[in-house]
């Protein structure tokens, strides 16, 4: 029964990846501080890694990267890699997508976040490693639940790489957010 529930939760999380909200405010006493980074594990993105991509970054310890060969698209961007928090004892994903033929990070973010019932958009200019990037936080509504989401957009070789983070509730989102911050701070271009 647990595997059925876990599979259903994972499927729901995948569908919700492009839907989210920054209006959700959950509080936990153990929530990581904003900008906190997870302990580093392996690097992903280089040729020969679990997910060869146009960007590389450190994956949080115990998280499991898996390349996508399905051609799945979310908000017009192709899913390249999905990094699962389950082996580290949490529920959520860092995903990397590629918006092909799009050179403007804001256009890529706009197309990605246009899918679903999203609100509360907050855009910022950020550094991803040494690369200038755009980031959006927002809230997705799914089944009457507000889910926080965060997406980083990095221009790379005539395309835009999107690095996303999502989970099934606000508390888990906060728990896994340091993995996203680690990816963002260690990001490098490979293309």
Protein backbone atom coordinates (compact mmCIF):
# COMPACT_ATOMS: atom_id res chain seq x y z
CA UNK A 1 0.00 0.00 0.00
CA UNK A 2 2.83 2.41 0.84
CA UNK A 3 4.38 2.03 -2.64
CA UNK A 4 1.02 2.85 -4.24
CA UNK A 5 0.72 5.99 -2.11
CA UNK A 6 4.35 6.93 -2.80
CA UNK A 7 3.89 6.39 -6.54
CA UNK A 8 0.71 8.47 -6.49
CA UNK A 9 2.43 11.25 -4.55
CA UNK A 10 5.37 11.21 -6.97
CA UNK A 11 3.02 11.36 -9.96
CA UNK A 12 1.10 14.26 -8.42
CA UNK A 13 4.38 16.06 -7.68
CA UNK A 14 5.53 15.68 -11.29
CA UNK A 15 2.25 17.13 -12.57
CA UNK A 16 2.51 20.00 -10.09
CA UNK A 17 6.09 20.94 -10.97
CA UNK A 18 4.97 23.81 -13.17
CA UNK A 19 2.33 24.97 -10.70
CA UNK A 20 3.17 26.78 -7.46
CA UNK A 21 2.76 29.77 -5.10
CA UNK A 22 4.93 32.13 -3.13
CA UNK A 23 1.93 33.22 -1.06
CA UNK A 24 2.11 30.03 1.01
CA UNK A 25 3.74 30.74 4.34
CA UNK A 26 4.31 27.69 6.49
CA UNK A 27 6.36 27.96 9.60
CA UNK A 28 8.49 25.31 11.19
CA UNK A 29 11.01 25.72 13.94
CA UNK A 30 13.49 23.55 12.02
CA UNK A 31 13.17 25.40 8.72
CA UNK A 32 16.52 26.15 7.11
CA UNK A 33 17.62 29.77 6.98
CA UNK A 34 17.08 31.53 3.65
CA UNK A 35 20.07 30.88 1.39
CA UNK A 36 21.24 27.90 3.45
CA UNK A 37 22.91 25.20 1.37
CA UNK A 38 22.67 21.43 1.72
CA UNK A 39 25.82 19.34 2.17
CA UNK A 40 27.25 18.59 -1.28
CA UNK A 41 27.29 15.21 -2.95
CA UNK A 42 28.28 14.50 -6.54
CA UNK A 43 28.33 16.94 -9.43
CA UNK A 44 25.81 16.45 -12.22
CA UNK A 45 25.75 17.79 -15.78
CA UNK A 46 29.17 16.96 -17.20
CA UNK A 47 29.61 14.35 -19.92
CA UNK A 48 29.71 10.95 -18.23
CA UNK A 49 27.62 12.08 -15.24
CA UNK A 50 24.14 10.75 -14.46
CA UNK A 51 22.63 13.68 -16.41
CA UNK A 52 24.77 15.25 -19.13
CA UNK A 53 23.41 18.81 -19.59
CA UNK A 54 24.46 22.31 -20.66
CA UNK A 55 24.99 23.18 -16.96
CA UNK A 56 26.78 21.44 -14.10
CA UNK A 57 26.18 21.81 -10.37
CA UNK A 58 26.61 20.03 -7.07
CA UNK A 59 23.77 17.74 -6.02
CA UNK A 60 22.82 17.55 -2.34
CA UNK A 61 24.27 14.54 -0.53
CA UNK A 62 22.20 11.36 -0.98
CA UNK A 63 19.93 12.90 -3.64
CA UNK A 64 19.60 10.73 -6.74
CA UNK A 65 19.88 12.25 -10.24
CA UNK A 66 18.27 10.51 -13.19
CA UNK A 67 18.41 11.59 -16.82
CA UNK A 68 15.12 11.95 -18.63
CA UNK A 69 14.90 10.33 -22.03
CA UNK A 70 11.13 10.61 -22.32
CA UNK A 71 11.00 13.94 -24.15
CA UNK A 72 8.62 15.22 -21.45
CA UNK A 73 7.92 18.93 -21.73
CA UNK A 74 6.80 21.27 -18.98
CA UNK A 75 5.86 24.80 -19.99
CA UNK A 76 7.50 24.32 -23.39
CA UNK A 77 10.84 23.23 -21.90
CA UNK A 78 12.22 19.71 -22.24
CA UNK A 79 12.97 17.79 -19.04
CA UNK A 80 16.65 16.79 -18.98
CA UNK A 81 17.22 15.61 -15.42
CA UNK A 82 15.24 14.88 -12.29
CA UNK A 83 17.04 14.81 -8.93
CA UNK A 84 15.04 13.00 -6.25
CA UNK A 85 15.16 13.85 -2.52
CA UNK A 86 13.75 10.46 -1.43
CA UNK A 87 17.15 8.78 -0.87
CA UNK A 88 17.97 11.67 1.50
CA UNK A 89 14.74 11.09 3.45
CA UNK A 90 12.53 13.82 2.03
CA UNK A 91 10.01 14.31 -0.78
CA UNK A 92 10.70 16.67 -3.62
CA UNK A 93 12.71 17.28 -6.75
CA UNK A 94 15.24 19.54 -8.32
CA UNK A 95 14.62 19.35 -12.06
CA UNK A 96 16.57 20.71 -15.00
CA UNK A 97 14.77 21.60 -18.22
CA UNK A 98 15.91 23.20 -21.45
CA UNK A 99 13.87 25.82 -23.29
CA UNK A 100 15.31 25.31 -26.78
CA UNK A 101 15.55 28.28 -29.11
CA UNK A 102 14.66 30.70 -26.30
CA UNK A 103 17.40 33.18 -25.45
CA UNK A 104 15.57 35.41 -22.96
CA UNK A 105 15.39 34.00 -19.41
CA UNK A 106 12.21 36.01 -18.68
CA UNK A 107 10.47 34.52 -21.74
CA UNK A 108 11.44 31.01 -20.61
CA UNK A 109 10.18 31.69 -17.07
CA UNK A 110 6.96 33.17 -18.44
CA UNK A 111 6.23 30.12 -20.60
CA UNK A 112 7.09 27.71 -17.77
CA UNK A 113 4.94 29.45 -15.15
CA UNK A 114 2.00 30.00 -17.52
CA UNK A 115 0.97 26.37 -17.03
CA UNK A 116 -1.50 25.88 -14.18
CA UNK A 117 -3.11 28.16 -11.61
CA UNK A 118 -0.10 30.17 -10.47
CA UNK A 119 0.07 33.44 -8.55
CA UNK A 120 2.28 35.61 -6.37
CA UNK A 121 5.17 35.90 -8.83
CA UNK A 122 8.37 37.52 -7.54
CA UNK A 123 11.18 37.90 -10.09
CA UNK A 124 14.77 38.67 -9.14
CA UNK A 125 18.15 39.00 -10.82
CA UNK A 126 20.53 36.47 -9.23
CA UNK A 127 23.94 34.91 -9.66
CA UNK A 128 24.01 31.20 -10.43
CA UNK A 129 27.62 30.42 -9.71
CA UNK A 130 29.36 33.12 -11.78
CA UNK A 131 26.50 33.39 -14.30
CA UNK A 132 23.90 36.18 -14.31
CA UNK A 133 20.43 34.60 -14.14
CA UNK A 134 16.77 35.31 -13.40
CA UNK A 135 14.73 33.63 -10.70
CA UNK A 136 11.04 33.47 -9.91
CA UNK A 137 9.23 32.31 -6.80
CA UNK A 138 5.49 31.74 -7.01
CA UNK A 139 2.56 29.75 -5.68
CA UNK A 140 0.80 26.99 -7.58
CA UNK A 141 -2.67 25.90 -6.62
CA UNK A 142 -3.41 22.22 -6.98
CA UNK A 143 -6.37 20.41 -5.49
CA UNK A 144 -7.02 23.48 -3.28
CA UNK A 145 -3.48 23.37 -1.88
CA UNK A 146 -1.02 26.24 -2.33
CA UNK A 147 2.41 24.91 -3.26
CA UNK A 148 5.54 27.08 -3.26
CA UNK A 149 7.78 26.84 -6.33
CA UNK A 150 11.07 28.37 -7.37
CA UNK A 151 12.68 28.41 -10.83
CA UNK A 152 16.11 29.61 -11.92
CA UNK A 153 16.61 30.59 -15.60
CA UNK A 154 20.14 30.57 -17.03
CA UNK A 155 20.99 31.53 -20.63
CA UNK A 156 23.17 28.87 -22.24
CA UNK A 157 24.23 28.47 -25.87
CA UNK A 158 21.17 30.03 -27.55
CA UNK A 159 18.79 28.30 -25.11
CA UNK A 160 17.71 28.76 -21.50
CA UNK A 161 18.29 26.13 -18.82
CA UNK A 162 15.64 26.08 -16.08
CA UNK A 163 16.47 24.66 -12.66
CA UNK A 164 13.33 24.08 -10.60
CA UNK A 165 12.44 22.94 -7.11
CA UNK A 166 9.10 21.55 -6.03
CA UNK A 167 7.57 19.43 -3.30
CA UNK A 168 4.14 18.33 -2.12
CA UNK A 169 3.71 20.93 0.64
CA UNK A 170 5.25 24.11 2.01
CA UNK A 171 7.08 22.44 4.90
CA UNK A 172 8.79 19.91 2.63
CA UNK A 173 9.60 22.69 0.17
CA UNK A 174 11.45 24.58 2.91
CA UNK A 175 13.19 21.37 3.94
CA UNK A 176 14.58 20.73 0.46
CA UNK A 177 15.26 24.35 -0.52
CA UNK A 178 18.94 24.11 0.59
CA UNK A 179 19.47 21.55 -2.22
CA UNK A 180 18.26 24.17 -4.71
CA UNK A 181 20.54 26.81 -3.17
CA UNK A 182 23.50 24.41 -3.46
CA UNK A 183 22.71 23.80 -7.15
CA UNK A 184 22.37 27.55 -7.77
CA UNK A 185 25.61 28.53 -6.03
CA UNK A 186 27.69 25.79 -7.71
CA UNK A 187 26.22 26.12 -11.23
CA UNK A 188 28.61 26.34 -14.20
CA UNK A 189 27.94 26.34 -17.94
CA UNK A 190 29.11 23.36 -19.97
CA UNK A 191 27.85 24.52 -23.38
